[in-house]
Amino acid sequence: MPKLGPGRLEGKTALVTGGAKGIGRHYSQALAAEGARVMIADIADGKALTAEIAGRHGADSVASHKFDVSDEKAVKHLVAQTIECFGQIDVLVNNAALYSTLTPREFTAWDTELWDRVMAINVRGPYLMVRHVAPHMMERRSGKIINIASGAAYKGVPRMLPYVTSKGAMLAFTRALSRELGAYGIAVNSLSPGYVLSDTGLENSAHVEDERIPVRNSRAFKRDAYPEDLLGTLVYLASSDSDFVTGQSIVVDGGSVNN
């Protein structure tokens, strides 16, 4: 039966890629607040966030590891370190992605090197994580894999073709993988945020003002979205509350995709 209330992830270990900054930082904090032990994995340094979470939830509640999600050797090392540190991996959040530093442009203006880099991080990265995490879940016949997709894949946002394509791939990846892992009791779902005002997005995004007002006007709820708006759905997908949910994508965007 689902465990209701605070501490829904007690005894669980969650691995969050891109978990040190931006929306990923909020994911890491929310999972820890629900009782999970969290491995923060990011190309950015996660030591400050690790110290913050340890101060709130105890030194044994969190660790961090600096890595490149597109590098298979680095992924294998991360997974081994997580198992060594916490003994298991119950929840994988495939959050790391290349987005906020991309400059919008016409479809003919994306050079192949940048296109390949987006795909390496946003598509190959989640695959490599699953390739090396899922066998541990399969042995235990349980687990939750949460792929962070995007409402942009439903709307076909222009001038961001490689990013939107990569997030569309995550939707298909989720559906296919859920069929392969269902026999092992592993749930595979996507969380698809709308346009969210995160700290890294506001600092780095070249397209904040171009998108913010039009997206807000397209929503049923006429307001900006913030990382906190995603956390209830994330915890739901990570917890036993969603044990009979798999192969799905939950869009959290204030109703923009419906318009």
Foldseek 3Di string as FASTA:
>chain_A
DQDDDALLQAPAEEEEEVLQFWLNVVQQLLNVRSHYQYEYEYLDDRPVSLVVSCVVRNNLRYDYDHDQLLDLVRLLVSLVVSCVSRVAHAEYELDWFDDQQDDFDAPVPDDPVNLVVRCSNLPVSVVSNCVNRVVRLLVVLHHFYEYEAALCLLVVDHRRVSNSVSSVVLLVVFQVVCVVSVVSLYAGEYEHEYDADIPSNVVRHPCCVVPQQVLLVLAPNNDHHYSVQRSVVSVCRGGCVCSVDHSYYDYRYRHNSVD
